[in-house]
Amino acid sequence: MNFRNINKNSLAIIDELGRGTSTRDGLAIALSIAEALVDSRALVWFATHFRELGMCIVKLAVYPLLTI
């Protein structure tokens, strides 16, 4: 993925990133992508089956609304 053009005016929709990989690998992929999206300040809709990802992102939360 290329994040150079994503900024605070962007909308990113991510669905089940990391699916089809091992749990550990999928979580690592999803977490790194989620961190990059949080850093971009874009509006992000992120659907995932990794509950652990939500807990990690809460620690990074810069958004006024975050639903897990």
C-alpha atoms as a PDB file:
ATOM      1  CA  MET A   1       0.000   0.000   0.000  1.00  0.00           C
ATOM      2  CA  ASN A   2       1.105   3.499  -0.745  1.00  0.00           C
ATOM      3  CA  PHE A   3       0.263   6.066   1.936  1.00  0.00           C
ATOM      4  CA  ARG A   4       1.996   9.062   0.386  1.00  0.00           C
ATOM      5  CA  ASN A   5      -1.271  10.529  -0.902  1.00  0.00           C
ATOM      6  CA  ILE A   6      -3.372   9.874   2.217  1.00  0.00           C
ATOM      7  CA  ASN A   7      -3.890  12.887   4.464  1.00  0.00           C
ATOM      8  CA  LYS A   8      -6.405  14.470   6.842  1.00  0.00           C
ATOM      9  CA  ASN A   9      -8.780  15.057   3.910  1.00  0.00           C
ATOM     10  CA  SER A  10      -8.833  11.368   2.919  1.00  0.00           C
ATOM     11  CA  LEU A  11     -11.252   8.562   3.660  1.00  0.00           C
ATOM     12  CA  ALA A  12      -9.737   5.092   3.973  1.00  0.00           C
ATOM     13  CA  ILE A  13     -11.928   1.991   4.174  1.00  0.00           C
ATOM     14  CA  ILE A  14     -10.101  -1.197   5.156  1.00  0.00           C
ATOM     15  CA  ASP A  15     -11.936  -4.517   5.359  1.00  0.00           C
ATOM     16  CA  GLU A  16     -10.386  -7.623   6.909  1.00  0.00           C
ATOM     17  CA  LEU A  17      -6.748  -6.754   6.286  1.00  0.00           C
ATOM     18  CA  GLY A  18      -4.539  -9.694   7.217  1.00  0.00           C
ATOM     19  CA  ARG A  19      -7.264 -12.266   6.629  1.00  0.00           C
ATOM     20  CA  GLY A  20      -5.946 -15.513   5.188  1.00  0.00           C
ATOM     21  CA  THR A  21      -2.652 -15.304   7.039  1.00  0.00           C
ATOM     22  CA  SER A  22      -1.615 -16.801  10.343  1.00  0.00           C
ATOM     23  CA  THR A  23      -2.997 -14.970  13.377  1.00  0.00           C
ATOM     24  CA  ARG A  24       0.363 -13.532  14.339  1.00  0.00           C
ATOM     25  CA  ASP A  25       1.272 -12.409  10.809  1.00  0.00           C
ATOM     26  CA  GLY A  26      -2.191 -11.022  10.098  1.00  0.00           C
ATOM     27  CA  LEU A  27      -2.217  -9.012  13.315  1.00  0.00           C
ATOM     28  CA  ALA A  28       1.238  -7.606  12.568  1.00  0.00           C
ATOM     29  CA  ILE A  29       0.188  -6.566   9.057  1.00  0.00           C
ATOM     30  CA  ALA A  30      -3.078  -5.034  10.264  1.00  0.00           C
ATOM     31  CA  LEU A  31      -1.378  -3.178  13.128  1.00  0.00           C
ATOM     32  CA  SER A  32       1.304  -1.633  10.932  1.00  0.00           C
ATOM     33  CA  ILE A  33      -1.278  -0.480   8.372  1.00  0.00           C
ATOM     34  CA  ALA A  34      -3.552   0.854  11.119  1.00  0.00           C
ATOM     35  CA  GLU A  35      -0.681   2.805  12.684  1.00  0.00           C
ATOM     36  CA  ALA A  36       0.176   4.387   9.329  1.00  0.00           C
ATOM     37  CA  LEU A  37      -3.464   5.358   8.808  1.00  0.00           C
ATOM     38  CA  VAL A  38      -3.738   6.859  12.292  1.00  0.00           C
ATOM     39  CA  ASP A  39      -0.564   8.857  11.651  1.00  0.00           C
ATOM     40  CA  SER A  40      -2.032  10.156   8.376  1.00  0.00           C
ATOM     41  CA  ARG A  41      -4.979  11.697  10.293  1.00  0.00           C
ATOM     42  CA  ALA A  42      -7.344  10.379   7.599  1.00  0.00           C
ATOM     43  CA  LEU A  43     -10.886   9.339   8.431  1.00  0.00           C
ATOM     44  CA  VAL A  44     -10.574   5.563   8.694  1.00  0.00           C
ATOM     45  CA  TRP A  45     -13.181   2.808   8.726  1.00  0.00           C
ATOM     46  CA  PHE A  46     -11.366  -0.362   9.683  1.00  0.00           C
ATOM     47  CA  ALA A  47     -13.214  -3.698   9.897  1.00  0.00           C
ATOM     48  CA  THR A  48     -11.243  -6.584  11.318  1.00  0.00           C
ATOM     49  CA  HIS A  49     -11.614  -9.866  13.160  1.00  0.00           C
ATOM     50  CA  PHE A  50      -8.558  -9.072  15.328  1.00  0.00           C
ATOM     51  CA  ARG A  51      -9.934  -7.880  18.656  1.00  0.00           C
ATOM     52  CA  GLU A  52      -6.384  -7.225  19.833  1.00  0.00           C
ATOM     53  CA  LEU A  53      -6.002  -4.623  17.099  1.00  0.00           C
ATOM     54  CA  GLY A  54      -8.721  -2.479  18.634  1.00  0.00           C
ATOM     55  CA  MET A  55      -6.990  -2.496  21.994  1.00  0.00           C
ATOM     56  CA  CYS A  56      -3.695  -1.440  20.391  1.00  0.00           C
ATOM     57  CA  ILE A  57      -5.336   1.359  18.414  1.00  0.00           C
ATOM     58  CA  VAL A  58      -7.092   2.728  21.496  1.00  0.00           C
ATOM     59  CA  LYS A  59      -3.622   3.500  22.860  1.00  0.00           C
ATOM     60  CA  LEU A  60      -2.893   5.490  19.672  1.00  0.00           C
ATOM     61  CA  ALA A  61      -6.342   7.090  19.450  1.00  0.00           C
ATOM     62  CA  VAL A  62      -6.383  10.591  18.067  1.00  0.00           C
ATOM     63  CA  TYR A  63      -9.966  10.408  16.861  1.00  0.00           C
ATOM     64  CA  PRO A  64     -12.814  11.804  18.948  1.00  0.00           C
ATOM     65  CA  LEU A  65     -14.937   8.694  18.295  1.00  0.00           C
ATOM     66  CA  LEU A  66     -13.561   5.179  18.330  1.00  0.00           C
ATOM     67  CA  THR A  67     -15.740   2.074  18.449  1.00  0.00           C
ATOM     68  CA  ILE A  68     -14.392  -1.369  19.185  1.00  0.00           C
END
